[in-house]
N, C-alpha and C. Protein backbone atom coordinates (compact mmCIF):
# COMPACT_ATOMS: atom_id res chain seq x y z
N MET A 1 77.75 169.11 132.68
CA MET A 1 76.69 168.17 132.43
C MET A 1 75.53 168.51 133.36
N LYS A 2 74.30 168.47 132.81
CA LYS A 2 73.10 168.66 133.60
C LYS A 2 72.39 167.32 133.70
N ARG A 3 71.92 167.02 134.91
CA ARG A 3 71.16 165.79 135.12
C ARG A 3 69.74 166.17 135.49
N TYR A 4 68.79 165.49 134.88
CA TYR A 4 67.38 165.75 135.13
C TYR A 4 66.74 164.49 135.71
N PRO A 5 66.11 164.59 136.88
CA PRO A 5 65.36 163.43 137.36
C PRO A 5 64.19 163.18 136.42
N ALA A 6 63.81 161.92 136.29
CA ALA A 6 62.77 161.55 135.34
C ALA A 6 61.63 160.81 136.01
N VAL A 7 60.45 161.06 135.48
CA VAL A 7 59.27 160.28 135.83
C VAL A 7 58.87 159.57 134.55
N ASP A 8 59.09 158.26 134.51
CA ASP A 8 58.73 157.45 133.35
C ASP A 8 57.33 156.89 133.58
N ILE A 9 56.42 157.12 132.63
CA ILE A 9 55.02 156.72 132.81
C ILE A 9 54.69 155.58 131.86
N LEU A 10 54.17 154.50 132.43
CA LEU A 10 53.74 153.33 131.67
C LEU A 10 52.49 152.78 132.33
N GLY A 11 51.42 152.69 131.57
CA GLY A 11 50.17 152.17 132.11
C GLY A 11 49.62 153.00 133.24
N GLY A 12 49.90 154.30 133.23
CA GLY A 12 49.40 155.19 134.26
C GLY A 12 50.21 155.22 135.54
N ASN A 13 51.28 154.44 135.60
CA ASN A 13 52.14 154.36 136.78
C ASN A 13 53.50 154.97 136.51
N ALA A 14 54.17 155.43 137.56
CA ALA A 14 55.56 155.85 137.47
C ALA A 14 56.41 154.58 137.62
N VAL A 15 57.24 154.30 136.62
CA VAL A 15 57.97 153.04 136.59
C VAL A 15 59.45 153.26 136.28
N ARG A 16 60.20 152.20 136.45
CA ARG A 16 61.57 152.09 135.94
C ARG A 16 61.61 150.79 135.16
N LEU A 17 62.14 150.87 133.95
CA LEU A 17 62.32 149.67 133.15
C LEU A 17 63.67 149.05 133.47
N VAL A 18 63.73 147.74 133.40
CA VAL A 18 64.99 147.03 133.59
C VAL A 18 65.62 146.85 132.22
N LYS A 19 66.74 147.53 132.00
CA LYS A 19 67.47 147.48 130.73
C LYS A 19 66.57 147.78 129.53
N GLY A 20 65.63 148.72 129.69
CA GLY A 20 64.77 149.13 128.60
C GLY A 20 63.69 148.13 128.21
N ASP A 21 63.51 147.10 129.00
CA ASP A 21 62.54 146.04 128.70
C ASP A 21 61.18 146.40 129.28
N PHE A 22 60.20 146.63 128.39
CA PHE A 22 58.85 147.00 128.83
C PHE A 22 58.22 145.92 129.70
N ALA A 23 58.58 144.68 129.49
CA ALA A 23 58.01 143.58 130.28
C ALA A 23 58.65 143.49 131.66
N ALA A 24 59.83 144.08 131.81
CA ALA A 24 60.54 144.02 133.10
C ALA A 24 60.54 145.42 133.71
N LYS A 25 59.44 145.75 134.36
CA LYS A 25 59.31 147.09 134.94
C LYS A 25 59.11 146.98 136.44
N LYS A 26 59.49 148.06 137.12
CA LYS A 26 59.25 148.17 138.55
C LYS A 26 58.39 149.42 138.75
N VAL A 27 57.20 149.24 139.30
CA VAL A 27 56.34 150.37 139.61
C VAL A 27 56.83 150.96 140.93
N TYR A 28 57.23 152.23 140.90
CA TYR A 28 57.67 152.85 142.14
C TYR A 28 56.65 153.84 142.66
N ASP A 29 55.63 154.16 141.88
CA ASP A 29 54.51 154.95 142.37
C ASP A 29 53.34 154.77 141.41
N GLU A 30 52.16 154.57 141.95
CA GLU A 30 50.97 154.42 141.11
C GLU A 30 50.48 155.77 140.61
N ASP A 31 51.03 156.85 141.15
CA ASP A 31 50.63 158.20 140.77
C ASP A 31 51.85 158.99 140.29
N PRO A 32 51.98 159.20 138.98
CA PRO A 32 53.13 159.96 138.47
C PRO A 32 53.23 161.37 139.07
N LEU A 33 52.10 161.99 139.39
CA LEU A 33 52.13 163.32 140.00
C LEU A 33 52.80 163.27 141.37
N ALA A 34 52.52 162.25 142.14
CA ALA A 34 53.16 162.11 143.46
C ALA A 34 54.68 161.95 143.30
N ALA A 35 55.09 161.20 142.28
CA ALA A 35 56.53 161.03 142.02
C ALA A 35 57.17 162.36 141.65
N ALA A 36 56.48 163.15 140.82
CA ALA A 36 57.00 164.46 140.42
C ALA A 36 57.08 165.40 141.63
N ARG A 37 56.07 165.36 142.49
CA ARG A 37 56.10 166.19 143.71
C ARG A 37 57.32 165.87 144.56
N ARG A 38 57.61 164.58 144.71
CA ARG A 38 58.76 164.18 145.53
C ARG A 38 60.06 164.74 144.96
N TRP A 39 60.22 164.67 143.62
CA TRP A 39 61.43 165.22 143.01
C TRP A 39 61.51 166.72 143.28
N ALA A 40 60.41 167.43 143.10
CA ALA A 40 60.41 168.88 143.31
C ALA A 40 60.69 169.20 144.78
N ASP A 41 60.09 168.46 145.68
CA ASP A 41 60.32 168.69 147.12
C ASP A 41 61.76 168.39 147.51
N ALA A 42 62.40 167.50 146.78
CA ALA A 42 63.80 167.15 147.06
C ALA A 42 64.78 168.15 146.46
N GLY A 43 64.24 169.15 145.74
CA GLY A 43 65.11 170.20 145.22
C GLY A 43 65.45 170.11 143.74
N ALA A 44 64.74 169.27 143.01
CA ALA A 44 65.01 169.17 141.56
C ALA A 44 64.84 170.54 140.91
N ARG A 45 65.76 170.89 140.02
CA ARG A 45 65.68 172.17 139.32
C ARG A 45 65.02 172.04 137.96
N ALA A 46 64.78 170.80 137.52
CA ALA A 46 64.06 170.51 136.29
C ALA A 46 63.58 169.06 136.39
N LEU A 47 62.63 168.71 135.55
CA LEU A 47 62.07 167.36 135.57
C LEU A 47 61.84 166.89 134.14
N HIS A 48 62.10 165.63 133.90
CA HIS A 48 61.89 165.03 132.59
C HIS A 48 60.79 163.98 132.72
N VAL A 49 59.72 164.15 131.98
CA VAL A 49 58.61 163.20 131.99
C VAL A 49 58.67 162.39 130.70
N VAL A 50 58.69 161.06 130.84
CA VAL A 50 58.81 160.17 129.68
C VAL A 50 57.52 159.37 129.53
N ASP A 51 56.87 159.52 128.40
CA ASP A 51 55.65 158.78 128.07
C ASP A 51 56.06 157.47 127.40
N LEU A 52 56.27 156.43 128.19
CA LEU A 52 56.71 155.16 127.62
C LEU A 52 55.62 154.51 126.77
N ASP A 53 54.36 154.70 127.15
CA ASP A 53 53.26 154.20 126.31
C ASP A 53 53.31 154.89 124.95
N GLY A 54 53.56 156.19 124.97
CA GLY A 54 53.65 156.95 123.73
C GLY A 54 54.83 156.52 122.88
N ALA A 55 55.96 156.25 123.53
CA ALA A 55 57.14 155.79 122.79
C ALA A 55 56.83 154.49 122.06
N ARG A 56 56.09 153.63 122.71
CA ARG A 56 55.76 152.34 122.11
C ARG A 56 54.72 152.49 121.00
N GLU A 57 53.75 153.39 121.18
CA GLU A 57 52.66 153.54 120.20
C GLU A 57 52.96 154.55 119.10
N GLY A 58 53.98 155.39 119.28
CA GLY A 58 54.33 156.36 118.26
C GLY A 58 53.51 157.63 118.29
N ARG A 59 52.79 157.86 119.38
CA ARG A 59 51.99 159.08 119.56
C ARG A 59 51.87 159.33 121.05
N PRO A 60 51.74 160.59 121.48
CA PRO A 60 51.59 160.86 122.91
C PRO A 60 50.35 160.18 123.47
N VAL A 61 50.49 159.55 124.62
CA VAL A 61 49.40 158.83 125.27
C VAL A 61 49.09 159.42 126.64
N ASN A 62 50.11 159.90 127.33
CA ASN A 62 49.95 160.33 128.72
C ASN A 62 49.99 161.84 128.90
N LEU A 63 49.38 162.56 127.98
CA LEU A 63 49.40 164.02 128.08
C LEU A 63 48.67 164.53 129.32
N GLU A 64 47.63 163.80 129.78
CA GLU A 64 46.92 164.24 130.99
C GLU A 64 47.83 164.23 132.21
N HIS A 65 48.74 163.26 132.26
CA HIS A 65 49.71 163.22 133.36
C HIS A 65 50.69 164.40 133.24
N LEU A 66 51.14 164.69 132.03
CA LEU A 66 52.04 165.82 131.81
C LEU A 66 51.35 167.12 132.25
N GLU A 67 50.11 167.30 131.83
CA GLU A 67 49.37 168.51 132.20
C GLU A 67 49.23 168.63 133.72
N GLY A 68 48.91 167.53 134.37
CA GLY A 68 48.77 167.55 135.82
C GLY A 68 50.07 167.89 136.53
N ILE A 69 51.16 167.30 136.06
CA ILE A 69 52.47 167.55 136.67
C ILE A 69 52.88 169.01 136.45
N ALA A 70 52.80 169.49 135.22
CA ALA A 70 53.21 170.87 134.92
C ALA A 70 52.33 171.87 135.67
N SER A 71 51.02 171.63 135.72
CA SER A 71 50.10 172.53 136.42
C SER A 71 50.38 172.56 137.91
N GLU A 72 50.58 171.39 138.48
CA GLU A 72 50.84 171.31 139.93
C GLU A 72 52.13 172.02 140.30
N LEU A 73 53.20 171.76 139.56
CA LEU A 73 54.47 172.39 139.89
C LEU A 73 54.39 173.90 139.73
N SER A 74 53.67 174.36 138.72
CA SER A 74 53.51 175.79 138.50
C SER A 74 52.66 176.42 139.62
N ALA A 75 51.58 175.75 140.00
CA ALA A 75 50.68 176.27 141.03
C ALA A 75 51.36 176.35 142.39
N ARG A 76 52.31 175.47 142.62
CA ARG A 76 53.03 175.45 143.90
C ARG A 76 54.07 176.57 143.96
N GLY A 77 54.26 177.25 142.85
CA GLY A 77 55.24 178.33 142.83
C GLY A 77 56.67 177.84 142.64
N SER A 78 56.82 176.55 142.42
CA SER A 78 58.18 176.04 142.19
C SER A 78 58.56 176.30 140.74
N ASP A 79 59.73 176.81 140.56
CA ASP A 79 60.21 177.15 139.22
C ASP A 79 60.94 175.94 138.65
N VAL A 80 60.18 174.86 138.39
CA VAL A 80 60.76 173.61 137.90
C VAL A 80 60.26 173.39 136.48
N PRO A 81 61.10 173.64 135.47
CA PRO A 81 60.68 173.37 134.10
C PRO A 81 60.51 171.87 133.89
N VAL A 82 59.56 171.53 133.02
CA VAL A 82 59.25 170.12 132.75
C VAL A 82 59.49 169.84 131.26
N GLN A 83 60.33 168.86 130.99
CA GLN A 83 60.54 168.36 129.62
C GLN A 83 59.62 167.17 129.42
N TYR A 84 59.26 166.91 128.16
CA TYR A 84 58.38 165.78 127.87
C TYR A 84 58.91 165.04 126.67
N GLY A 85 58.91 163.73 126.73
CA GLY A 85 59.35 162.91 125.61
C GLY A 85 58.58 161.61 125.58
N GLY A 86 58.54 161.02 124.41
CA GLY A 86 57.88 159.74 124.22
C GLY A 86 56.68 159.89 123.32
N GLY A 87 56.72 159.27 122.17
CA GLY A 87 55.62 159.34 121.24
C GLY A 87 55.62 160.55 120.34
N LEU A 88 56.63 161.38 120.45
CA LEU A 88 56.73 162.55 119.60
C LEU A 88 57.62 162.21 118.42
N ARG A 89 57.09 162.38 117.24
CA ARG A 89 57.85 162.03 116.05
C ARG A 89 57.92 163.22 115.12
């Protein structure tokens, strides 16, 4: 089994939902890129980015955050692949 740390993005923040409830969220970082950096610095070998706004709207909403995260991790020389989900149909 492979486990991937995730950065869930809702309203521009890195969040965790309580039991999948969009109304019951905990913001753990106002900057999803900072959250991704922490995972990479902690030794993550891959990262999963979830566009929760996109999942709700049925189309990608947070692509700028994905681009920033993927660009930053690549520029740092870290070989951390990034998966993306949410709003893709």
